[in-house]
Protein backbone atom coordinates (compact mmCIF):
# COMPACT_ATOMS: atom_id res chain seq x y z
CA UNK A 1 156.12 173.25 108.33
CA UNK A 2 154.41 170.96 110.68
CA UNK A 3 150.64 170.90 110.96
CA UNK A 4 149.40 172.04 114.26
CA UNK A 5 148.05 169.50 116.76
CA UNK A 6 144.74 169.54 118.15
CA UNK A 7 144.29 171.28 121.20
CA UNK A 8 144.69 169.02 124.19
CA UNK A 9 146.36 166.14 122.17
CA UNK A 10 149.21 164.43 123.72
CA UNK A 11 152.53 165.48 122.13
CA UNK A 12 153.67 163.31 119.25
CA UNK A 13 156.65 161.27 119.80
CA UNK A 14 159.28 160.82 117.23
CA UNK A 15 160.52 157.57 115.64
CA UNK A 16 162.77 155.51 117.89
CA UNK A 17 162.63 153.45 120.81
CA UNK A 18 159.45 153.18 122.59
CA UNK A 19 159.07 154.72 125.99
CA UNK A 20 159.59 152.62 129.13
CA UNK A 21 155.73 152.84 129.71
CA UNK A 22 155.19 151.33 126.22
CA UNK A 23 157.70 148.53 126.72
CA UNK A 24 156.23 147.70 130.10
CA UNK A 25 152.75 147.40 128.47
CA UNK A 26 154.06 144.75 125.93
CA UNK A 27 155.25 142.67 129.01
CA UNK A 28 152.75 140.52 130.47
CA UNK A 29 151.88 136.75 131.14
CA UNK A 30 153.48 134.63 128.46
CA UNK A 31 155.67 137.29 127.03
CA UNK A 32 158.87 135.45 127.91
CA UNK A 33 157.64 132.32 126.39
CA UNK A 34 156.45 134.12 123.27
CA UNK A 35 159.97 135.56 122.93
CA UNK A 36 161.54 132.04 123.31
CA UNK A 37 159.21 130.63 120.87
CA UNK A 38 160.06 133.08 118.36
CA UNK A 39 163.81 132.76 119.15
CA UNK A 40 163.63 129.05 118.40
CA UNK A 41 161.82 129.81 115.15
CA UNK A 42 164.33 132.20 114.04
CA UNK A 43 167.21 130.19 115.00
CA UNK A 44 165.64 127.25 113.04
CA UNK A 45 164.68 129.16 109.91
CA UNK A 46 167.68 131.53 109.68
CA UNK A 47 170.61 129.93 111.59
CA UNK A 48 172.71 131.73 114.33
CA UNK A 49 174.30 134.07 112.07
CA UNK A 50 171.21 135.53 110.37
CA UNK A 51 168.92 135.50 113.43
CA UNK A 52 169.02 138.74 115.27
CA UNK A 53 167.38 140.46 118.35
CA UNK A 54 165.43 142.43 116.07
CA UNK A 55 164.00 139.71 114.07
CA UNK A 56 163.10 137.64 117.09
CA UNK A 57 161.43 140.71 118.59
CA UNK A 58 159.64 141.19 115.40
CA UNK A 59 158.57 137.63 115.23
CA UNK A 60 157.35 137.73 118.94
CA UNK A 61 155.36 141.12 118.42
CA UNK A 62 157.52 143.03 120.93
CA UNK A 63 160.12 145.73 120.99
CA UNK A 64 163.67 144.76 120.76
CA UNK A 65 164.42 146.37 124.25
CA UNK A 66 161.96 143.89 125.67
CA UNK A 67 164.24 140.95 124.28
CA UNK A 68 167.36 142.58 125.95
CA UNK A 69 165.37 143.01 129.06
CA UNK A 70 164.39 139.38 129.37
CA UNK A 71 167.55 137.80 128.00
CA UNK A 72 170.36 140.30 127.37
CA UNK A 73 172.57 139.31 124.36
CA UNK A 74 171.89 137.17 121.43
CA UNK A 75 174.19 134.46 122.98
CA UNK A 76 171.86 134.57 125.99
CA UNK A 77 168.69 134.18 123.93
CA UNK A 78 170.23 131.26 122.21
CA UNK A 79 171.24 129.61 125.53
CA UNK A 80 167.70 129.95 126.67
CA UNK A 81 166.28 128.36 123.66
CA UNK A 82 168.64 125.53 123.94
CA UNK A 83 167.41 125.18 127.66
CA UNK A 84 163.75 125.11 126.62
CA UNK A 85 164.52 122.67 123.61
CA UNK A 86 166.63 120.34 125.81
CA UNK A 87 164.02 120.13 128.72
CA UNK A 88 162.95 116.62 127.73
CA UNK A 89 166.61 115.63 127.92
CA UNK A 90 166.58 116.21 131.56
CA UNK A 91 165.09 112.80 131.98
CA UNK A 92 168.56 111.34 130.57
CA UNK A 93 169.55 111.57 134.27
CA UNK A 94 166.84 109.22 135.38
CA UNK A 95 167.66 107.03 132.34
CA UNK A 96 170.98 106.34 133.76
CA UNK A 97 169.91 106.53 137.38
CA UNK A 98 167.47 103.61 137.11
CA UNK A 99 170.35 101.37 137.37
CA UNK A 100 173.29 100.35 135.05
CA UNK A 101 171.68 97.25 133.69
CA UNK A 102 170.18 98.05 130.51
CA UNK A 103 171.46 101.78 130.61
CA UNK A 104 172.70 101.62 127.08
CA UNK A 105 169.42 100.70 125.59
CA UNK A 106 167.28 103.10 127.70
CA UNK A 107 169.82 105.79 126.59
CA UNK A 108 169.43 104.90 122.86
CA UNK A 109 165.71 104.83 123.23
CA UNK A 110 165.50 108.14 124.90
CA UNK A 111 167.67 109.59 121.93
CA UNK A 112 165.54 108.47 119.27
CA UNK A 113 162.36 109.33 121.13
CA UNK A 114 163.61 113.02 121.05
CA UNK A 115 165.03 112.89 117.55
CA UNK A 116 162.11 111.08 115.87
CA UNK A 117 159.53 113.66 117.37
CA UNK A 118 159.26 116.60 114.92
CA UNK A 119 158.49 119.07 117.68
CA UNK A 120 161.90 118.35 119.31
CA UNK A 121 163.76 117.30 116.21
CA UNK A 122 163.40 120.66 114.34
CA UNK A 123 164.80 123.02 117.02
CA UNK A 124 167.55 120.49 117.78
CA UNK A 125 168.60 120.56 114.03
CA UNK A 126 168.74 124.42 114.11
CA UNK A 127 170.92 124.34 117.38
CA UNK A 128 173.32 121.82 115.59
CA UNK A 129 173.50 123.56 112.41
CA UNK A 130 174.18 126.81 114.42
CA UNK A 131 176.84 125.20 116.44
CA UNK A 132 178.59 123.85 113.37
CA UNK A 133 178.90 127.14 111.68
CA UNK A 134 179.33 129.58 114.47
CA UNK A 135 181.77 129.38 117.21
CA UNK A 136 179.68 131.62 119.60
CA UNK A 137 176.73 129.01 119.34
CA UNK A 138 179.12 126.14 119.67
CA UNK A 139 180.52 127.50 123.02
CA UNK A 140 176.89 127.91 124.31
CA UNK A 141 175.94 124.47 123.20
CA UNK A 142 179.17 122.85 124.73
CA UNK A 143 178.70 124.60 128.00
CA UNK A 144 175.03 123.40 128.27
CA UNK A 145 175.72 119.64 127.17
CA UNK A 146 178.69 119.42 129.65
CA UNK A 147 176.69 121.21 132.39
CA UNK A 148 173.28 119.78 132.12
CA UNK A 149 173.92 116.36 130.47
CA UNK A 150 177.41 114.88 130.63
CA UNK A 151 178.14 115.91 134.32
CA UNK A 152 174.71 114.48 135.33
CA UNK A 153 175.30 111.16 133.67
CA UNK A 154 178.95 111.02 134.90
CA UNK A 155 177.60 111.27 138.47
CA UNK A 156 175.88 107.87 138.12
CA UNK A 157 178.78 105.98 136.69
CA UNK A 158 180.73 103.70 138.74
CA UNK A 159 183.53 103.10 136.25
CA UNK A 160 187.11 104.66 135.85
CA UNK A 161 187.14 108.01 133.94
CA UNK A 162 183.23 108.53 134.11
CA UNK A 163 183.41 111.81 132.41
CA UNK A 164 185.26 110.53 129.51
CA UNK A 165 182.95 107.42 129.36
CA UNK A 166 179.86 109.93 129.42
CA UNK A 167 181.46 112.07 126.64
CA UNK A 168 182.10 108.94 124.49
CA UNK A 169 178.39 108.08 124.76
CA UNK A 170 177.24 111.62 123.87
CA UNK A 171 179.64 111.76 120.96
CA UNK A 172 178.20 108.32 119.55
CA UNK A 173 174.83 109.75 119.69
CA UNK A 174 175.52 113.19 118.18
CA UNK A 175 177.43 111.49 115.37
CA UNK A 176 174.26 109.39 114.64
CA UNK A 177 172.23 112.46 114.73
CA UNK A 178 174.58 114.24 112.32
CA UNK A 179 174.62 111.57 109.79
CA UNK A 180 170.95 110.39 110.02
CA UNK A 181 169.23 113.83 110.52
CA UNK A 182 171.62 116.49 109.27
CA UNK A 183 173.45 115.02 106.38
CA UNK A 184 171.01 112.26 105.77
CA UNK A 185 173.23 109.70 104.70
CA UNK A 186 171.42 106.35 103.31
CA UNK A 187 170.76 103.73 104.57
CA UNK A 188 171.08 105.09 108.00
CA UNK A 189 168.92 108.12 107.42
CA UNK A 190 165.86 105.82 106.62
CA UNK A 191 166.71 102.80 108.80
CA UNK A 192 164.06 101.73 111.43
CA UNK A 193 165.06 103.24 114.72
CA UNK A 194 164.70 99.67 116.36
CA UNK A 195 167.21 98.29 114.08
CA UNK A 196 169.73 101.08 114.95
CA UNK A 197 169.03 100.77 118.80
CA UNK A 198 169.72 96.99 118.62
CA UNK A 199 173.12 97.76 117.03
CA UNK A 200 174.07 100.91 119.10
CA UNK A 201 172.78 99.83 122.55
CA UNK A 202 175.60 97.40 123.31
CA UNK A 203 178.31 99.96 122.38
CA UNK A 204 176.70 102.48 124.84
CA UNK A 205 176.52 99.94 127.43
CA UNK A 206 180.23 99.21 127.09
CA UNK A 207 180.95 102.99 127.28
CA UNK A 208 178.71 103.35 130.50
CA UNK A 209 179.73 100.11 132.37
CA UNK A 210 182.73 98.22 131.38
CA UNK A 211 185.90 98.82 133.40
């Protein structure tokens, strides 16, 4: 038998989803950013498979319904996390757009500026690891890389098959990222970035400019 409620007290709600009023109360300035930060952390620590809407919500201190409200599915949360992580990568457009002379070296320097920074390297590692092990994550990453990076670089190239050239440059750099930062094969893993840039830049330049 349930104990009687004090006179005038609000009715008790059973366990389950919070009311719409409670969910709205959690939403406020910075809530979306907090969820994204939690998503990046969860994908980084647990990988795509083990991260869930519930774990992301718990890490952000909100209800799962609020994550769905802002982002929808887990794939969409992952895509939004990629978007935030790759925000610095939007400058790659300017890297090539400055002119094709020296574009290979600028692209290589941009790449290492992103990967050598722990703040951007950690979420990038999580994204690549997730994409390697889970097709849904790979699909999201492919769509983003094509739409936001390759197509933008392609637009500045004045060579035959510009999309293919941009893809070759991107695959070259992703290969370096896999060997240096994910698999950590020596001596590449501990080589000085300047040494790598000196060797890689001419190849990138050839991809981007030689007819």
